[in-house]
Amino acid sequence: MKLTCLKKLSSALIDCPVKFEFGGVLFDFTAQVKLVDEVTLTAMTTGEKVSDKKTVKDLLVGWSGFNDEGKNVPFDKETLDEMLVYGAISGRLAVECVNAQYRVIEKN
């Protein structure tokens, strides 16, 4: 690889604001999404075995600012699995994880 700065991208995380309401419950937190290259993203989002739940499990690696009735909720796989039993939550988080791959922040 000629550009050494691109090596940093292999371990990069994207902070992604997430805010939506589902069933009268507000979800408002910052997701940490793993950055992947375009080939990997295409493989993850196309084909017969693709699911929103799998996409989220592959890309969502943490969160911050997640509160449940005033208590901080640390990220762990069990809590994520608990959320992903609802298709609408899985779908919304999958969209956020994929969209995060295309967010570019301009610097002045």
N, C-alpha and C. Protein backbone atom coordinates (compact mmCIF):
# COMPACT_ATOMS: atom_id res chain seq x y z
N MET A 1 0.85 -1.17 0.00
CA MET A 1 0.00 0.00 0.00
C MET A 1 0.90 1.23 0.00
N LYS A 2 0.64 2.13 -0.91
CA LYS A 2 1.46 3.32 -1.04
C LYS A 2 1.12 4.37 0.02
N LEU A 3 -0.15 4.51 0.38
CA LEU A 3 -0.55 5.52 1.35
C LEU A 3 -0.58 4.92 2.75
N THR A 4 0.41 5.26 3.53
CA THR A 4 0.47 4.70 4.88
C THR A 4 -0.66 5.21 5.77
N CYS A 5 -1.19 6.40 5.47
CA CYS A 5 -2.29 6.92 6.29
C CYS A 5 -3.53 6.03 6.19
N LEU A 6 -3.69 5.29 5.11
CA LEU A 6 -4.85 4.42 4.95
C LEU A 6 -4.80 3.21 5.87
N LYS A 7 -3.63 2.87 6.36
CA LYS A 7 -3.51 1.74 7.28
C LYS A 7 -4.32 1.98 8.55
N LYS A 8 -4.42 3.25 8.96
CA LYS A 8 -5.18 3.59 10.16
C LYS A 8 -6.66 3.27 10.01
N LEU A 9 -7.15 3.26 8.79
CA LEU A 9 -8.57 3.00 8.56
C LEU A 9 -8.98 1.58 8.91
N SER A 10 -8.03 0.66 8.90
CA SER A 10 -8.36 -0.73 9.19
C SER A 10 -8.82 -0.93 10.64
N SER A 11 -8.51 0.01 11.51
CA SER A 11 -8.96 -0.10 12.89
C SER A 11 -9.81 1.10 13.32
N ALA A 12 -10.29 1.85 12.34
CA ALA A 12 -11.05 3.06 12.64
C ALA A 12 -12.48 2.76 13.07
N LEU A 13 -12.99 3.60 13.96
CA LEU A 13 -14.39 3.55 14.38
C LEU A 13 -15.06 4.86 13.98
N ILE A 14 -16.31 4.79 13.65
CA ILE A 14 -17.09 5.96 13.28
C ILE A 14 -18.10 6.21 14.38
N ASP A 15 -18.10 7.43 14.92
CA ASP A 15 -19.13 7.82 15.88
C ASP A 15 -20.36 8.24 15.10
N CYS A 16 -21.46 7.60 15.40
CA CYS A 16 -22.69 7.78 14.62
C CYS A 16 -23.85 8.11 15.56
N PRO A 17 -24.38 9.34 15.49
CA PRO A 17 -25.52 9.67 16.34
C PRO A 17 -26.76 8.87 15.90
N VAL A 18 -27.42 8.28 16.87
CA VAL A 18 -28.62 7.48 16.61
C VAL A 18 -29.74 8.05 17.48
N LYS A 19 -30.85 8.38 16.84
CA LYS A 19 -31.99 8.89 17.59
C LYS A 19 -33.27 8.50 16.85
N PHE A 20 -34.05 7.65 17.48
CA PHE A 20 -35.32 7.24 16.88
C PHE A 20 -36.27 6.80 17.99
N GLU A 21 -37.54 6.75 17.64
CA GLU A 21 -38.56 6.28 18.57
C GLU A 21 -39.18 5.03 17.99
N PHE A 22 -39.38 4.05 18.84
CA PHE A 22 -40.02 2.81 18.42
C PHE A 22 -40.96 2.37 19.54
N GLY A 23 -42.22 2.23 19.22
CA GLY A 23 -43.20 1.78 20.22
C GLY A 23 -43.32 2.73 21.41
N GLY A 24 -43.08 4.01 21.16
CA GLY A 24 -43.15 4.98 22.23
C GLY A 24 -41.90 5.07 23.09
N VAL A 25 -40.87 4.34 22.72
CA VAL A 25 -39.61 4.34 23.46
C VAL A 25 -38.57 5.09 22.63
N LEU A 26 -37.89 6.06 23.26
CA LEU A 26 -36.87 6.84 22.58
C LEU A 26 -35.51 6.16 22.73
N PHE A 27 -34.84 5.99 21.62
CA PHE A 27 -33.46 5.50 21.59
C PHE A 27 -32.60 6.66 21.11
N ASP A 28 -31.68 7.09 21.96
CA ASP A 28 -30.87 8.26 21.66
C ASP A 28 -29.47 8.02 22.23
N PHE A 29 -28.50 7.72 21.36
CA PHE A 29 -27.14 7.43 21.80
C PHE A 29 -26.19 7.61 20.64
N THR A 30 -24.92 7.50 20.90
CA THR A 30 -23.90 7.53 19.86
C THR A 30 -23.36 6.12 19.67
N ALA A 31 -23.53 5.61 18.47
CA ALA A 31 -23.04 4.27 18.14
C ALA A 31 -21.60 4.36 17.66
N GLN A 32 -20.80 3.37 18.03
CA GLN A 32 -19.46 3.23 17.48
C GLN A 32 -19.51 2.11 16.45
N VAL A 33 -19.27 2.50 15.21
CA VAL A 33 -19.41 1.59 14.08
C VAL A 33 -18.04 1.31 13.50
N LYS A 34 -17.77 0.04 13.26
CA LYS A 34 -16.49 -0.36 12.65
C LYS A 34 -16.48 0.05 11.18
N LEU A 35 -15.40 0.69 10.76
CA LEU A 35 -15.23 1.07 9.36
C LEU A 35 -14.71 -0.14 8.59
N VAL A 36 -15.35 -0.43 7.46
CA VAL A 36 -14.90 -1.53 6.60
C VAL A 36 -14.74 -1.01 5.18
N ASP A 37 -13.93 -1.71 4.40
CA ASP A 37 -13.74 -1.31 3.01
C ASP A 37 -14.97 -1.67 2.18
N GLU A 38 -15.04 -1.12 0.99
CA GLU A 38 -16.23 -1.27 0.15
C GLU A 38 -16.49 -2.72 -0.25
N VAL A 39 -15.45 -3.48 -0.50
CA VAL A 39 -15.62 -4.89 -0.86
C VAL A 39 -16.28 -5.65 0.30
N THR A 40 -15.78 -5.42 1.50
CA THR A 40 -16.34 -6.07 2.69
C THR A 40 -17.77 -5.64 2.92
N LEU A 41 -18.04 -4.34 2.78
CA LEU A 41 -19.40 -3.84 2.98
C LEU A 41 -20.37 -4.45 1.98
N THR A 42 -19.95 -4.55 0.73
CA THR A 42 -20.81 -5.15 -0.29
C THR A 42 -21.10 -6.61 0.04
N ALA A 43 -20.09 -7.33 0.46
CA ALA A 43 -20.28 -8.74 0.83
C ALA A 43 -21.22 -8.87 2.02
N MET A 44 -21.15 -7.93 2.96
CA MET A 44 -21.99 -7.98 4.15
C MET A 44 -23.45 -7.62 3.86
N THR A 45 -23.69 -6.89 2.78
CA THR A 45 -25.03 -6.36 2.54
C THR A 45 -25.71 -6.93 1.30
N THR A 46 -25.10 -7.91 0.66
CA THR A 46 -25.72 -8.54 -0.50
C THR A 46 -25.64 -10.06 -0.36
N GLY A 47 -26.55 -10.75 -1.00
CA GLY A 47 -26.54 -12.20 -0.98
C GLY A 47 -27.68 -12.77 -0.17
N GLU A 48 -27.76 -14.08 -0.17
CA GLU A 48 -28.88 -14.80 0.46
C GLU A 48 -28.85 -14.77 1.98
N LYS A 49 -27.68 -14.76 2.58
CA LYS A 49 -27.58 -14.89 4.04
C LYS A 49 -27.51 -13.54 4.75
N VAL A 50 -27.83 -12.47 4.06
CA VAL A 50 -27.77 -11.14 4.63
C VAL A 50 -28.98 -10.91 5.53
N SER A 51 -28.74 -10.32 6.68
CA SER A 51 -29.85 -9.92 7.56
C SER A 51 -29.44 -8.65 8.29
N ASP A 52 -30.43 -7.87 8.66
CA ASP A 52 -30.15 -6.65 9.41
C ASP A 52 -29.43 -6.99 10.71
N LYS A 53 -29.90 -8.02 11.38
CA LYS A 53 -29.31 -8.42 12.66
C LYS A 53 -27.83 -8.75 12.50
N LYS A 54 -27.47 -9.50 11.46
CA LYS A 54 -26.07 -9.86 11.23
C LYS A 54 -25.23 -8.63 10.90
N THR A 55 -25.79 -7.74 10.08
CA THR A 55 -25.08 -6.52 9.74
C THR A 55 -24.75 -5.72 10.98
N VAL A 56 -25.73 -5.57 11.88
CA VAL A 56 -25.51 -4.82 13.12
C VAL A 56 -24.46 -5.52 13.98
N LYS A 57 -24.57 -6.83 14.12
CA LYS A 57 -23.61 -7.57 14.95
C LYS A 57 -22.19 -7.47 14.40
N ASP A 58 -22.06 -7.36 13.09
CA ASP A 58 -20.73 -7.26 12.47
C ASP A 58 -20.15 -5.85 12.56
N LEU A 59 -21.01 -4.83 12.56
CA LEU A 59 -20.50 -3.46 12.46
C LEU A 59 -20.62 -2.63 13.73
N LEU A 60 -21.62 -2.87 14.55
CA LEU A 60 -21.79 -2.07 15.76
C LEU A 60 -20.91 -2.67 16.86
N VAL A 61 -19.92 -1.91 17.29
CA VAL A 61 -18.95 -2.44 18.25
C VAL A 61 -18.99 -1.73 19.60
N GLY A 62 -19.85 -0.73 19.73
CA GLY A 62 -19.97 -0.03 21.00
C GLY A 62 -20.97 1.09 20.90
N TRP A 63 -21.20 1.73 22.05
CA TRP A 63 -22.02 2.94 22.08
C TRP A 63 -21.69 3.74 23.31
N SER A 64 -22.09 4.99 23.30
CA SER A 64 -21.95 5.86 24.46
C SER A 64 -23.22 6.70 24.57
N GLY A 65 -23.47 7.19 25.76
CA GLY A 65 -24.63 8.02 25.98
C GLY A 65 -25.95 7.29 25.91
N PHE A 66 -25.93 5.98 26.08
CA PHE A 66 -27.16 5.18 26.05
C PHE A 66 -27.68 5.10 27.48
N ASN A 67 -28.88 5.63 27.69
CA ASN A 67 -29.49 5.62 29.01
C ASN A 67 -30.82 4.89 28.99
N ASP A 68 -31.08 4.16 30.04
CA ASP A 68 -32.35 3.45 30.21
C ASP A 68 -32.91 3.89 31.57
N GLU A 69 -33.96 4.70 31.50
CA GLU A 69 -34.59 5.23 32.71
C GLU A 69 -33.57 5.90 33.62
N GLY A 70 -32.69 6.71 33.00
CA GLY A 70 -31.72 7.48 33.75
C GLY A 70 -30.44 6.75 34.11
N LYS A 71 -30.34 5.48 33.77
CA LYS A 71 -29.13 4.71 34.08
C LYS A 71 -28.34 4.45 32.80
N ASN A 72 -27.02 4.65 32.89
CA ASN A 72 -26.16 4.38 31.76
C ASN A 72 -26.17 2.88 31.43
N VAL A 73 -26.26 2.60 30.14
CA VAL A 73 -26.24 1.21 29.68
C VAL A 73 -24.92 0.96 28.96
N PRO A 74 -24.01 0.21 29.57
CA PRO A 74 -22.76 -0.10 28.87
C PRO A 74 -23.03 -1.07 27.71
N PHE A 75 -22.21 -0.96 26.68
CA PHE A 75 -22.36 -1.85 25.54
C PHE A 75 -21.90 -3.26 25.90
N ASP A 76 -22.72 -4.23 25.57
CA ASP A 76 -22.30 -5.63 25.60
C ASP A 76 -23.19 -6.41 24.63
N LYS A 77 -22.72 -7.57 24.24
CA LYS A 77 -23.42 -8.38 23.24
C LYS A 77 -24.79 -8.82 23.72
N GLU A 78 -24.94 -9.10 25.01
CA GLU A 78 -26.24 -9.53 25.53
C GLU A 78 -27.29 -8.43 25.40
N THR A 79 -26.91 -7.21 25.72
CA THR A 79 -27.84 -6.09 25.60
C THR A 79 -28.18 -5.85 24.14
N LEU A 80 -27.19 -5.94 23.28
CA LEU A 80 -27.44 -5.79 21.85
C LEU A 80 -28.40 -6.87 21.36
N ASP A 81 -28.17 -8.12 21.74
CA ASP A 81 -29.06 -9.21 21.34
C ASP A 81 -30.49 -8.96 21.82
N GLU A 82 -30.62 -8.41 23.02
CA GLU A 82 -31.93 -8.11 23.58
C GLU A 82 -32.67 -7.10 22.70
N MET A 83 -31.95 -6.11 22.18
CA MET A 83 -32.55 -5.11 21.31
C MET A 83 -32.90 -5.66 19.94
N LEU A 84 -32.05 -6.56 19.44
CA LEU A 84 -32.19 -7.02 18.06
C LEU A 84 -33.31 -8.04 17.85
N VAL A 85 -34.03 -8.38 18.90
CA VAL A 85 -35.18 -9.28 18.71
C VAL A 85 -36.34 -8.53 18.03
N TYR A 86 -36.25 -7.20 18.00
CA TYR A 86 -37.25 -6.39 17.32
C TYR A 86 -36.73 -6.02 15.94
N GLY A 87 -37.43 -6.47 14.91
CA GLY A 87 -37.00 -6.24 13.54
C GLY A 87 -36.82 -4.77 13.20
N ALA A 88 -37.70 -3.92 13.72
CA ALA A 88 -37.59 -2.49 13.42
C ALA A 88 -36.30 -1.90 13.99
N ILE A 89 -35.91 -2.34 15.18
CA ILE A 89 -34.66 -1.84 15.78
C ILE A 89 -33.48 -2.37 14.98
N SER A 90 -33.51 -3.65 14.64
CA SER A 90 -32.44 -4.23 13.82
C SER A 90 -32.30 -3.47 12.50
N GLY A 91 -33.43 -3.21 11.86
CA GLY A 91 -33.41 -2.51 10.57
C GLY A 91 -32.85 -1.12 10.68
N ARG A 92 -33.31 -0.39 11.70
CA ARG A 92 -32.83 0.99 11.86
C ARG A 92 -31.34 1.03 12.16
N LEU A 93 -30.87 0.15 13.05
CA LEU A 93 -29.45 0.13 13.38
C LEU A 93 -28.61 -0.32 12.19
N ALA A 94 -29.12 -1.26 11.39
CA ALA A 94 -28.38 -1.70 10.20
C ALA A 94 -28.22 -0.54 9.22
N VAL A 95 -29.28 0.23 9.02
CA VAL A 95 -29.21 1.39 8.13
C VAL A 95 -28.18 2.39 8.65
N GLU A 96 -28.19 2.65 9.95
CA GLU A 96 -27.23 3.58 10.53
C GLU A 96 -25.79 3.08 10.36
N CYS A 97 -25.58 1.79 10.57
CA CYS A 97 -24.23 1.21 10.43
C CYS A 97 -23.73 1.31 8.99
N VAL A 98 -24.61 1.06 8.03
CA VAL A 98 -24.21 1.15 6.62
C VAL A 98 -24.01 2.62 6.22
N ASN A 99 -24.95 3.48 6.61
CA ASN A 99 -24.81 4.90 6.27
C ASN A 99 -23.55 5.51 6.87
N ALA A 100 -23.16 5.04 8.04
CA ALA A 100 -21.94 5.56 8.68
C ALA A 100 -20.71 5.34 7.81
N GLN A 101 -20.73 4.32 6.98
CA GLN A 101 -19.59 4.01 6.12
C GLN A 101 -19.35 5.11 5.08
N TYR A 102 -20.38 5.93 4.84
CA TYR A 102 -20.29 6.96 3.80
C TYR A 102 -20.23 8.38 4.36
N ARG A 103 -20.23 8.52 5.68
CA ARG A 103 -20.15 9.85 6.27
C ARG A 103 -18.70 10.35 6.26
N VAL A 104 -18.53 11.52 5.74
CA VAL A 104 -17.21 12.15 5.72
C VAL A 104 -17.35 13.48 6.43
N ILE A 105 -16.48 13.76 7.37
CA ILE A 105 -16.52 15.01 8.12
C ILE A 105 -15.50 15.96 7.52
N GLU A 106 -15.99 17.13 7.11
CA GLU A 106 -15.09 18.13 6.55
C GLU A 106 -14.32 18.84 7.63
N LYS A 107 -13.07 19.10 7.37
CA LYS A 107 -12.22 19.84 8.28
C LYS A 107 -11.85 21.17 7.62
N ASN A 108 -11.83 22.22 8.40
CA ASN A 108 -11.45 23.54 7.86
C ASN A 108 -9.95 23.72 7.87
